[in-house]
Amino acid sequence: MARSPSPPPARAQSAAHPPAPAGSPPLGHLSERYESGGRGPGTVSSGQADPGGVS
């Protein structure tokens, strides 16, 4: 009889990636504020003089 696969082990929080402190700003907050001109953390280009448009 074949054994059913065991579930993957639970991921423990590593020292390299500790949990965010309570009350900390959401992920992407700093890049949204300082790197994207307020257009959102996923915005790289305004599209101005960019044939590919906003990215």
PDB file of N, CA and C in Angstrom:
ATOM      1  N   MET A   1       0.846  -1.169   0.000  1.00  0.00           N
ATOM      2  CA  MET A   1       0.000   0.000   0.000  1.00  0.00           C
ATOM      3  C   MET A   1       0.899   1.242   0.000  1.00  0.00           C
ATOM      4  N   ALA A   2       0.577   2.202  -0.858  1.00  0.00           N
ATOM      5  CA  ALA A   2       1.389   3.417  -0.979  1.00  0.00           C
ATOM      6  C   ALA A   2       1.085   4.373   0.166  1.00  0.00           C
ATOM      7  N   ARG A   3       2.135   4.979   0.648  1.00  0.00           N
ATOM      8  CA  ARG A   3       1.958   5.962   1.722  1.00  0.00           C
ATOM      9  C   ARG A   3       1.516   7.287   1.121  1.00  0.00           C
ATOM     10  N   SER A   4       0.626   7.956   1.794  1.00  0.00           N
ATOM     11  CA  SER A   4       0.233   9.281   1.316  1.00  0.00           C
ATOM     12  C   SER A   4       1.352  10.255   1.675  1.00  0.00           C
ATOM     13  N   PRO A   5       1.573  11.238   0.813  1.00  0.00           N
ATOM     14  CA  PRO A   5       2.664  12.188   1.096  1.00  0.00           C
ATOM     15  C   PRO A   5       2.374  12.975   2.367  1.00  0.00           C
ATOM     16  N   SER A   6       3.417  13.199   3.114  1.00  0.00           N
ATOM     17  CA  SER A   6       3.245  13.973   4.340  1.00  0.00           C
ATOM     18  C   SER A   6       3.195  15.457   3.988  1.00  0.00           C
ATOM     19  N   PRO A   7       2.497  16.247   4.772  1.00  0.00           N
ATOM     20  CA  PRO A   7       2.420  17.684   4.480  1.00  0.00           C
ATOM     21  C   PRO A   7       3.789  18.330   4.659  1.00  0.00           C
ATOM     22  N   PRO A   8       4.023  19.427   3.948  1.00  0.00           N
ATOM     23  CA  PRO A   8       5.316  20.105   4.107  1.00  0.00           C
ATOM     24  C   PRO A   8       5.457  20.614   5.535  1.00  0.00           C
ATOM     25  N   PRO A   9       6.688  20.706   6.013  1.00  0.00           N
ATOM     26  CA  PRO A   9       6.887  21.193   7.385  1.00  0.00           C
ATOM     27  C   PRO A   9       6.443  22.651   7.501  1.00  0.00           C
ATOM     28  N   ALA A  10       5.969  23.012   8.658  1.00  0.00           N
ATOM     29  CA  ALA A  10       5.565  24.400   8.903  1.00  0.00           C
ATOM     30  C   ALA A  10       6.797  25.286   8.827  1.00  0.00           C
ATOM     31  N   ARG A  11       6.634  26.450   8.232  1.00  0.00           N
ATOM     32  CA  ARG A  11       7.767  27.363   8.086  1.00  0.00           C
ATOM     33  C   ARG A  11       7.940  28.148   9.373  1.00  0.00           C
ATOM     34  N   ALA A  12       9.076  27.988   9.954  1.00  0.00           N
ATOM     35  CA  ALA A  12       9.391  28.728  11.177  1.00  0.00           C
ATOM     36  C   ALA A  12       9.913  30.108  10.801  1.00  0.00           C
ATOM     37  N   GLN A  13       9.674  31.070  11.643  1.00  0.00           N
ATOM     38  CA  GLN A  13      10.190  32.415  11.411  1.00  0.00           C
ATOM     39  C   GLN A  13      11.690  32.378  11.647  1.00  0.00           C
ATOM     40  N   SER A  14      12.469  32.789  10.660  1.00  0.00           N
ATOM     41  CA  SER A  14      13.919  32.750  10.806  1.00  0.00           C
ATOM     42  C   SER A  14      14.427  34.053  11.417  1.00  0.00           C
ATOM     43  N   ALA A  15      15.634  34.009  11.918  1.00  0.00           N
ATOM     44  CA  ALA A  15      16.245  35.204  12.498  1.00  0.00           C
ATOM     45  C   ALA A  15      16.478  36.261  11.422  1.00  0.00           C
ATOM     46  N   ALA A  16      16.666  35.821  10.166  1.00  0.00           N
ATOM     47  CA  ALA A  16      16.895  36.761   9.074  1.00  0.00           C
ATOM     48  C   ALA A  16      15.618  37.511   8.707  1.00  0.00           C
ATOM     49  N   HIS A  17      14.457  36.930   8.997  1.00  0.00           N
ATOM     50  CA  HIS A  17      13.173  37.544   8.655  1.00  0.00           C
ATOM     51  C   HIS A  17      12.241  37.517   9.860  1.00  0.00           C
ATOM     52  N   PRO A  18      12.535  38.307  10.881  1.00  0.00           N
ATOM     53  CA  PRO A  18      11.662  38.319  12.063  1.00  0.00           C
ATOM     54  C   PRO A  18      10.320  38.950  11.706  1.00  0.00           C
ATOM     55  N   PRO A  19       9.282  38.669  12.469  1.00  0.00           N
ATOM     56  CA  PRO A  19       7.986  39.285  12.189  1.00  0.00           C
ATOM     57  C   PRO A  19       8.048  40.796  12.383  1.00  0.00           C
ATOM     58  N   ALA A  20       7.217  41.510  11.642  1.00  0.00           N
ATOM     59  CA  ALA A  20       7.181  42.969  11.762  1.00  0.00           C
ATOM     60  C   ALA A  20       6.613  43.354  13.120  1.00  0.00           C
ATOM     61  N   PRO A  21       7.160  44.393  13.731  1.00  0.00           N
ATOM     62  CA  PRO A  21       6.632  44.842  15.020  1.00  0.00           C
ATOM     63  C   PRO A  21       5.191  45.333  14.866  1.00  0.00           C
ATOM     64  N   ALA A  22       4.410  45.190  15.910  1.00  0.00           N
ATOM     65  CA  ALA A  22       3.029  45.667  15.891  1.00  0.00           C
ATOM     66  C   ALA A  22       3.010  47.170  15.649  1.00  0.00           C
ATOM     67  N   GLY A  23       2.106  47.617  14.826  1.00  0.00           N
ATOM     68  CA  GLY A  23       1.980  49.040  14.544  1.00  0.00           C
ATOM     69  C   GLY A  23       2.927  49.547  13.474  1.00  0.00           C
ATOM     70  N   SER A  24       3.698  48.664  12.835  1.00  0.00           N
ATOM     71  CA  SER A  24       4.624  49.110  11.795  1.00  0.00           C
ATOM     72  C   SER A  24       3.847  49.377  10.506  1.00  0.00           C
ATOM     73  N   PRO A  25       4.346  50.268   9.642  1.00  0.00           N
ATOM     74  CA  PRO A  25       3.637  50.576   8.398  1.00  0.00           C
ATOM     75  C   PRO A  25       3.598  49.354   7.479  1.00  0.00           C
ATOM     76  N   PRO A  26       2.635  49.294   6.577  1.00  0.00           N
ATOM     77  CA  PRO A  26       2.522  48.143   5.684  1.00  0.00           C
ATOM     78  C   PRO A  26       3.699  48.046   4.721  1.00  0.00           C
ATOM     79  N   LEU A  27       3.922  46.845   4.218  1.00  0.00           N
ATOM     80  CA  LEU A  27       4.988  46.601   3.251  1.00  0.00           C
ATOM     81  C   LEU A  27       4.788  47.503   2.035  1.00  0.00           C
ATOM     82  N   GLY A  28       5.837  48.140   1.577  1.00  0.00           N
ATOM     83  CA  GLY A  28       5.770  49.023   0.420  1.00  0.00           C
ATOM     84  C   GLY A  28       5.551  50.480   0.780  1.00  0.00           C
ATOM     85  N   HIS A  29       5.326  50.775   2.054  1.00  0.00           N
ATOM     86  CA  HIS A  29       5.044  52.146   2.483  1.00  0.00           C
ATOM     87  C   HIS A  29       6.184  53.103   2.122  1.00  0.00           C
ATOM     88  N   LEU A  30       7.416  52.724   2.429  1.00  0.00           N
ATOM     89  CA  LEU A  30       8.542  53.630   2.162  1.00  0.00           C
ATOM     90  C   LEU A  30       8.795  53.797   0.674  1.00  0.00           C
ATOM     91  N   SER A  31       8.711  52.709  -0.102  1.00  0.00           N
ATOM     92  CA  SER A  31       8.940  52.854  -1.539  1.00  0.00           C
ATOM     93  C   SER A  31       7.831  53.687  -2.170  1.00  0.00           C
ATOM     94  N   GLU A  32       6.603  53.539  -1.682  1.00  0.00           N
ATOM     95  CA  GLU A  32       5.504  54.350  -2.213  1.00  0.00           C
ATOM     96  C   GLU A  32       5.762  55.824  -1.939  1.00  0.00           C
ATOM     97  N   ARG A  33       6.259  56.115  -0.774  1.00  0.00           N
ATOM     98  CA  ARG A  33       6.458  57.510  -0.378  1.00  0.00           C
ATOM     99  C   ARG A  33       7.673  58.151  -1.047  1.00  0.00           C
ATOM    100  N   TYR A  34       8.800  57.438  -1.063  1.00  0.00           N
ATOM    101  CA  TYR A  34      10.049  58.060  -1.508  1.00  0.00           C
ATOM    102  C   TYR A  34      10.499  57.697  -2.919  1.00  0.00           C
ATOM    103  N   GLU A  35      10.070  56.577  -3.451  1.00  0.00           N
ATOM    104  CA  GLU A  35      10.610  56.131  -4.731  1.00  0.00           C
ATOM    105  C   GLU A  35       9.643  56.254  -5.898  1.00  0.00           C
ATOM    106  N   SER A  36       8.358  56.379  -5.640  1.00  0.00           N
ATOM    107  CA  SER A  36       7.411  56.360  -6.747  1.00  0.00           C
ATOM    108  C   SER A  36       6.641  57.659  -6.917  1.00  0.00           C
ATOM    109  N   GLY A  37       6.986  58.683  -6.175  1.00  0.00           N
ATOM    110  CA  GLY A  37       6.297  59.960  -6.300  1.00  0.00           C
ATOM    111  C   GLY A  37       4.833  59.895  -5.903  1.00  0.00           C
ATOM    112  N   GLY A  38       4.483  58.995  -5.002  1.00  0.00           N
ATOM    113  CA  GLY A  38       3.109  58.886  -4.540  1.00  0.00           C
ATOM    114  C   GLY A  38       2.197  58.080  -5.447  1.00  0.00           C
ATOM    115  N   ARG A  39       2.747  57.440  -6.493  1.00  0.00           N
ATOM    116  CA  ARG A  39       1.927  56.686  -7.442  1.00  0.00           C
ATOM    117  C   ARG A  39       1.713  55.240  -7.023  1.00  0.00           C
ATOM    118  N   GLY A  40       2.275  54.821  -5.912  1.00  0.00           N
ATOM    119  CA  GLY A  40       2.099  53.450  -5.452  1.00  0.00           C
ATOM    120  C   GLY A  40       3.399  52.677  -5.503  1.00  0.00           C
ATOM    121  N   PRO A  41       3.565  51.677  -4.629  1.00  0.00           N
ATOM    122  CA  PRO A  41       4.831  50.953  -4.539  1.00  0.00           C
ATOM    123  C   PRO A  41       5.164  50.136  -5.783  1.00  0.00           C
ATOM    124  N   GLY A  42       4.176  49.806  -6.615  1.00  0.00           N
ATOM    125  CA  GLY A  42       4.447  49.021  -7.818  1.00  0.00           C
ATOM    126  C   GLY A  42       4.786  49.868  -9.025  1.00  0.00           C
ATOM    127  N   THR A  43       4.709  51.196  -8.915  1.00  0.00           N
ATOM    128  CA  THR A  43       4.963  52.073 -10.056  1.00  0.00           C
ATOM    129  C   THR A  43       6.450  52.357 -10.190  1.00  0.00           C
ATOM    130  N   VAL A  44       6.965  52.129 -11.380  1.00  0.00           N
ATOM    131  CA  VAL A  44       8.387  52.355 -11.637  1.00  0.00           C
ATOM    132  C   VAL A  44       8.568  53.588 -12.510  1.00  0.00           C
ATOM    133  N   SER A  45       7.694  53.772 -13.473  1.00  0.00           N
ATOM    134  CA  SER A  45       7.820  54.859 -14.425  1.00  0.00           C
ATOM    135  C   SER A  45       6.493  55.601 -14.543  1.00  0.00           C
ATOM    136  N   SER A  46       6.559  56.911 -14.723  1.00  0.00           N
ATOM    137  CA  SER A  46       5.340  57.710 -14.901  1.00  0.00           C
ATOM    138  C   SER A  46       4.761  57.541 -16.294  1.00  0.00           C
ATOM    139  N   GLY A  47       5.565  57.035 -17.216  1.00  0.00           N
ATOM    140  CA  GLY A  47       5.126  56.879 -18.592  1.00  0.00           C
ATOM    141  C   GLY A  47       5.499  58.062 -19.458  1.00  0.00           C
ATOM    142  N   GLN A  48       5.906  59.157 -18.848  1.00  0.00           N
ATOM    143  CA  GLN A  48       6.285  60.346 -19.600  1.00  0.00           C
ATOM    144  C   GLN A  48       7.563  60.053 -20.380  1.00  0.00           C
ATOM    145  N   ALA A  49       7.527  60.263 -21.691  1.00  0.00           N
ATOM    146  CA  ALA A  49       8.652  59.980 -22.594  1.00  0.00           C
ATOM    147  C   ALA A  49       9.055  58.514 -22.544  1.00  0.00           C
ATOM    148  N   ASP A  50       8.107  57.653 -22.221  1.00  0.00           N
ATOM    149  CA  ASP A  50       8.362  56.209 -22.153  1.00  0.00           C
ATOM    150  C   ASP A  50       7.372  55.523 -23.085  1.00  0.00           C
ATOM    151  N   PRO A  51       7.848  55.019 -24.237  1.00  0.00           N
ATOM    152  CA  PRO A  51       6.931  54.393 -25.194  1.00  0.00           C
ATOM    153  C   PRO A  51       6.152  53.215 -24.603  1.00  0.00           C
ATOM    154  N   GLY A  52       6.664  52.646 -23.545  1.00  0.00           N
ATOM    155  CA  GLY A  52       5.968  51.523 -22.916  1.00  0.00           C
ATOM    156  C   GLY A  52       4.881  51.959 -21.952  1.00  0.00           C
ATOM    157  N   GLY A  53       4.812  53.262 -21.655  1.00  0.00           N
ATOM    158  CA  GLY A  53       3.791  53.771 -20.750  1.00  0.00           C
ATOM    159  C   GLY A  53       4.149  53.576 -19.290  1.00  0.00           C
ATOM    160  N   VAL A  54       3.158  53.773 -18.444  1.00  0.00           N
ATOM    161  CA  VAL A  54       3.345  53.622 -16.997  1.00  0.00           C
ATOM    162  C   VAL A  54       3.665  52.177 -16.688  1.00  0.00           C
ATOM    163  N   SER A  55       4.630  51.975 -15.827  1.00  0.00           N
ATOM    164  CA  SER A  55       4.958  50.596 -15.436  1.00  0.00           C
ATOM    165  C   SER A  55       5.138  50.538 -13.937  1.00  0.00           C
TER     166      SER A  55
END
